[in-house]
Amino acid sequence: MTEPTALPDRLSSDPSSPYYDEELLARGVGIRFKGVEKTNVEEYCVSEGWVRVSVGKAKDRAGNPMTVKLKGTVEPYLRDLPAEG
């Protein structure tokens, strides 16, 4: 049986970020922000209590998704945990 992976305090889906972790993102990381499931999170930080979410299909001048930073309670979890039962 494998040991569950502790999620990092900060994680980004941008490959150029120092907080990017391809292996962890491939497993599927879910985010609950203020108790609500979010599917458009680009980056999060648990200790500072914020998420960056993409805003529509708009892109910045470097071609990255436009994001807005929201503050609140961040709860990351792994989506690939086996279902009980």
N, C-alpha and C. Protein backbone atom coordinates (compact mmCIF):
# COMPACT_ATOMS: atom_id res chain seq x y z
N MET A 1 0.85 -1.18 0.00
CA MET A 1 0.00 0.00 0.00
C MET A 1 0.89 1.24 0.00
N THR A 2 0.57 2.20 -0.84
CA THR A 2 1.41 3.39 -0.93
C THR A 2 0.97 4.43 0.09
N GLU A 3 1.93 5.15 0.54
CA GLU A 3 1.71 6.23 1.51
C GLU A 3 1.07 7.41 0.78
N PRO A 4 -0.01 8.03 1.33
CA PRO A 4 -0.59 9.19 0.66
C PRO A 4 0.41 10.35 0.59
N THR A 5 0.42 11.03 -0.54
CA THR A 5 1.33 12.15 -0.75
C THR A 5 0.77 13.39 -0.06
N ALA A 6 1.62 14.04 0.73
CA ALA A 6 1.22 15.30 1.35
C ALA A 6 1.26 16.37 0.27
N LEU A 7 0.20 17.11 0.16
CA LEU A 7 0.16 18.17 -0.86
C LEU A 7 1.00 19.36 -0.40
N PRO A 8 1.68 20.01 -1.35
CA PRO A 8 2.51 21.16 -0.99
C PRO A 8 1.66 22.35 -0.58
N ASP A 9 2.30 23.26 0.16
CA ASP A 9 1.63 24.49 0.59
C ASP A 9 1.25 25.35 -0.60
N ARG A 10 2.06 25.28 -1.65
CA ARG A 10 1.80 26.09 -2.84
C ARG A 10 2.04 25.23 -4.08
N LEU A 11 1.15 25.35 -5.07
CA LEU A 11 1.26 24.57 -6.30
C LEU A 11 0.74 25.40 -7.46
N SER A 12 1.42 25.29 -8.61
CA SER A 12 1.03 26.03 -9.81
C SER A 12 0.90 25.08 -10.99
N SER A 13 0.00 25.38 -11.91
CA SER A 13 -0.14 24.58 -13.13
C SER A 13 0.70 25.14 -14.28
N ASP A 14 1.45 26.21 -14.02
CA ASP A 14 2.30 26.85 -15.03
C ASP A 14 3.69 26.19 -15.02
N PRO A 15 4.09 25.53 -16.13
CA PRO A 15 5.40 24.85 -16.17
C PRO A 15 6.60 25.75 -15.90
N SER A 16 6.47 27.06 -16.11
CA SER A 16 7.60 27.96 -15.87
C SER A 16 7.70 28.40 -14.40
N SER A 17 6.74 28.01 -13.58
CA SER A 17 6.73 28.39 -12.17
C SER A 17 7.61 27.46 -11.33
N PRO A 18 8.28 28.00 -10.31
CA PRO A 18 9.06 27.12 -9.41
C PRO A 18 8.15 26.23 -8.56
N TYR A 19 6.85 26.49 -8.54
CA TYR A 19 5.90 25.70 -7.74
C TYR A 19 5.17 24.65 -8.59
N TYR A 20 5.63 24.43 -9.81
CA TYR A 20 5.04 23.46 -10.72
C TYR A 20 5.51 22.05 -10.37
N ASP A 21 4.60 21.07 -10.34
CA ASP A 21 4.94 19.67 -10.07
C ASP A 21 4.11 18.80 -11.02
N GLU A 22 4.72 18.42 -12.14
CA GLU A 22 4.00 17.68 -13.19
C GLU A 22 3.44 16.36 -12.68
N GLU A 23 4.22 15.62 -11.92
CA GLU A 23 3.78 14.31 -11.43
C GLU A 23 2.55 14.44 -10.53
N LEU A 24 2.58 15.41 -9.65
CA LEU A 24 1.46 15.62 -8.73
C LEU A 24 0.22 16.10 -9.49
N LEU A 25 0.38 17.00 -10.43
CA LEU A 25 -0.75 17.50 -11.22
C LEU A 25 -1.36 16.39 -12.07
N ALA A 26 -0.53 15.45 -12.55
CA ALA A 26 -1.03 14.33 -13.35
C ALA A 26 -1.94 13.42 -12.52
N ARG A 27 -1.68 13.34 -11.22
CA ARG A 27 -2.53 12.52 -10.34
C ARG A 27 -3.89 13.16 -10.13
N GLY A 28 -3.96 14.46 -10.29
CA GLY A 28 -5.23 15.18 -10.14
C GLY A 28 -5.35 15.81 -8.77
N VAL A 29 -5.24 17.12 -8.72
CA VAL A 29 -5.38 17.86 -7.48
C VAL A 29 -6.68 18.66 -7.56
N GLY A 30 -7.54 18.45 -6.58
CA GLY A 30 -8.78 19.21 -6.50
C GLY A 30 -8.62 20.33 -5.49
N ILE A 31 -9.38 21.39 -5.65
CA ILE A 31 -9.32 22.54 -4.75
C ILE A 31 -10.72 22.90 -4.27
N ARG A 32 -10.85 23.00 -2.95
CA ARG A 32 -12.06 23.59 -2.37
C ARG A 32 -11.65 24.96 -1.86
N PHE A 33 -12.34 25.99 -2.35
CA PHE A 33 -12.04 27.37 -1.96
C PHE A 33 -13.27 27.92 -1.27
N LYS A 34 -13.14 28.29 -0.01
CA LYS A 34 -14.26 28.74 0.81
C LYS A 34 -15.38 27.70 0.82
N GLY A 35 -14.99 26.41 0.81
CA GLY A 35 -15.94 25.32 0.87
C GLY A 35 -16.59 24.95 -0.45
N VAL A 36 -16.20 25.61 -1.55
CA VAL A 36 -16.81 25.35 -2.86
C VAL A 36 -15.74 24.77 -3.80
N GLU A 37 -16.11 23.71 -4.52
CA GLU A 37 -15.21 23.08 -5.48
C GLU A 37 -14.90 24.05 -6.62
N LYS A 38 -13.61 24.25 -6.91
CA LYS A 38 -13.19 25.12 -8.03
C LYS A 38 -12.43 24.28 -9.06
N THR A 39 -12.75 24.48 -10.33
CA THR A 39 -12.10 23.72 -11.39
C THR A 39 -11.19 24.58 -12.26
N ASN A 40 -11.16 25.90 -12.02
CA ASN A 40 -10.37 26.80 -12.86
C ASN A 40 -9.19 27.41 -12.11
N VAL A 41 -8.67 26.71 -11.09
CA VAL A 41 -7.55 27.22 -10.29
C VAL A 41 -6.24 27.00 -11.04
N GLU A 42 -5.47 28.06 -11.22
CA GLU A 42 -4.16 27.99 -11.87
C GLU A 42 -3.04 27.83 -10.84
N GLU A 43 -3.23 28.38 -9.64
CA GLU A 43 -2.21 28.32 -8.58
C GLU A 43 -2.91 28.53 -7.25
N TYR A 44 -2.34 27.92 -6.20
CA TYR A 44 -2.90 28.15 -4.86
C TYR A 44 -1.78 28.24 -3.83
N CYS A 45 -2.09 28.84 -2.68
CA CYS A 45 -1.19 28.88 -1.53
C CYS A 45 -2.05 28.74 -0.28
N VAL A 46 -1.87 27.63 0.44
CA VAL A 46 -2.68 27.35 1.62
C VAL A 46 -2.32 28.29 2.77
N SER A 47 -1.02 28.46 3.06
CA SER A 47 -0.60 29.26 4.22
C SER A 47 -0.97 30.73 4.08
N GLU A 48 -0.95 31.26 2.85
CA GLU A 48 -1.32 32.66 2.65
C GLU A 48 -2.81 32.82 2.35
N GLY A 49 -3.52 31.72 2.11
CA GLY A 49 -4.97 31.74 1.92
C GLY A 49 -5.42 32.42 0.64
N TRP A 50 -4.89 31.98 -0.52
CA TRP A 50 -5.33 32.55 -1.79
C TRP A 50 -5.27 31.52 -2.91
N VAL A 51 -6.04 31.79 -3.95
CA VAL A 51 -5.98 31.02 -5.19
C VAL A 51 -5.94 32.00 -6.36
N ARG A 52 -5.35 31.57 -7.46
CA ARG A 52 -5.41 32.32 -8.72
C ARG A 52 -6.29 31.51 -9.65
N VAL A 53 -7.37 32.12 -10.11
CA VAL A 53 -8.29 31.44 -11.01
C VAL A 53 -8.27 32.11 -12.38
N SER A 54 -8.42 31.29 -13.42
CA SER A 54 -8.44 31.85 -14.77
C SER A 54 -9.75 32.59 -15.01
N VAL A 55 -9.65 33.64 -15.81
CA VAL A 55 -10.80 34.49 -16.10
C VAL A 55 -11.18 34.29 -17.56
N GLY A 56 -12.16 33.43 -17.81
CA GLY A 56 -12.60 33.18 -19.17
C GLY A 56 -11.49 32.62 -20.05
N LYS A 57 -11.51 33.01 -21.32
CA LYS A 57 -10.50 32.54 -22.27
C LYS A 57 -9.48 33.61 -22.60
N ALA A 58 -9.49 34.71 -21.84
CA ALA A 58 -8.56 35.81 -22.09
C ALA A 58 -7.13 35.38 -21.80
N LYS A 59 -6.19 35.91 -22.59
CA LYS A 59 -4.77 35.61 -22.42
C LYS A 59 -4.00 36.91 -22.19
N ASP A 60 -2.89 36.80 -21.44
CA ASP A 60 -2.04 37.97 -21.27
C ASP A 60 -1.09 38.06 -22.47
N ARG A 61 -0.20 39.05 -22.48
CA ARG A 61 0.65 39.25 -23.65
C ARG A 61 1.65 38.12 -23.86
N ALA A 62 1.90 37.30 -22.84
CA ALA A 62 2.80 36.16 -22.98
C ALA A 62 2.04 34.89 -23.40
N GLY A 63 0.71 35.00 -23.56
CA GLY A 63 -0.08 33.86 -23.98
C GLY A 63 -0.59 33.00 -22.83
N ASN A 64 -0.37 33.44 -21.60
CA ASN A 64 -0.84 32.71 -20.43
C ASN A 64 -2.26 33.14 -20.09
N PRO A 65 -3.04 32.27 -19.44
CA PRO A 65 -4.41 32.66 -19.07
C PRO A 65 -4.40 33.87 -18.12
N MET A 66 -5.34 34.77 -18.33
CA MET A 66 -5.51 35.89 -17.40
C MET A 66 -6.07 35.31 -16.11
N THR A 67 -5.56 35.79 -14.98
CA THR A 67 -6.00 35.26 -13.69
C THR A 67 -6.35 36.39 -12.73
N VAL A 68 -7.13 36.03 -11.71
CA VAL A 68 -7.45 36.95 -10.64
C VAL A 68 -7.14 36.22 -9.33
N LYS A 69 -6.60 36.95 -8.36
CA LYS A 69 -6.23 36.37 -7.07
C LYS A 69 -7.39 36.58 -6.10
N LEU A 70 -7.87 35.48 -5.51
CA LEU A 70 -8.95 35.52 -4.54
C LEU A 70 -8.43 35.05 -3.19
N LYS A 71 -8.84 35.71 -2.12
CA LYS A 71 -8.40 35.33 -0.77
C LYS A 71 -9.50 34.60 -0.03
N GLY A 72 -9.10 33.58 0.71
CA GLY A 72 -10.04 32.78 1.49
C GLY A 72 -9.41 31.46 1.88
N THR A 73 -10.21 30.56 2.44
CA THR A 73 -9.73 29.26 2.89
C THR A 73 -9.52 28.33 1.70
N VAL A 74 -8.32 27.74 1.62
CA VAL A 74 -7.95 26.86 0.51
C VAL A 74 -7.76 25.45 1.05
N GLU A 75 -8.45 24.47 0.44
CA GLU A 75 -8.34 23.07 0.84
C GLU A 75 -8.01 22.21 -0.37
N PRO A 76 -6.72 21.89 -0.60
CA PRO A 76 -6.37 21.01 -1.72
C PRO A 76 -6.54 19.54 -1.32
N TYR A 77 -6.83 18.70 -2.30
CA TYR A 77 -6.93 17.26 -2.06
C TYR A 77 -6.59 16.52 -3.34
N LEU A 78 -6.22 15.25 -3.21
CA LEU A 78 -5.92 14.41 -4.37
C LEU A 78 -7.20 13.78 -4.87
N ARG A 79 -7.40 13.82 -6.17
CA ARG A 79 -8.62 13.26 -6.76
C ARG A 79 -8.52 11.76 -7.01
N ASP A 80 -7.31 11.19 -7.05
CA ASP A 80 -7.16 9.77 -7.40
C ASP A 80 -7.22 8.83 -6.20
N LEU A 81 -7.67 9.31 -5.04
CA LEU A 81 -7.78 8.42 -3.88
C LEU A 81 -8.85 7.38 -4.17
N PRO A 82 -8.61 6.13 -3.79
CA PRO A 82 -9.60 5.07 -4.08
C PRO A 82 -10.89 5.30 -3.32
N ALA A 83 -11.99 4.97 -3.96
CA ALA A 83 -13.31 5.11 -3.32
C ALA A 83 -13.48 4.01 -2.28
N GLU A 84 -14.06 4.36 -1.16
CA GLU A 84 -14.29 3.37 -0.09
C GLU A 84 -15.61 2.67 -0.35
N GLY A 85 -15.68 1.40 0.06
CA GLY A 85 -16.95 0.70 -0.04
C GLY A 85 -16.83 -0.58 -0.66
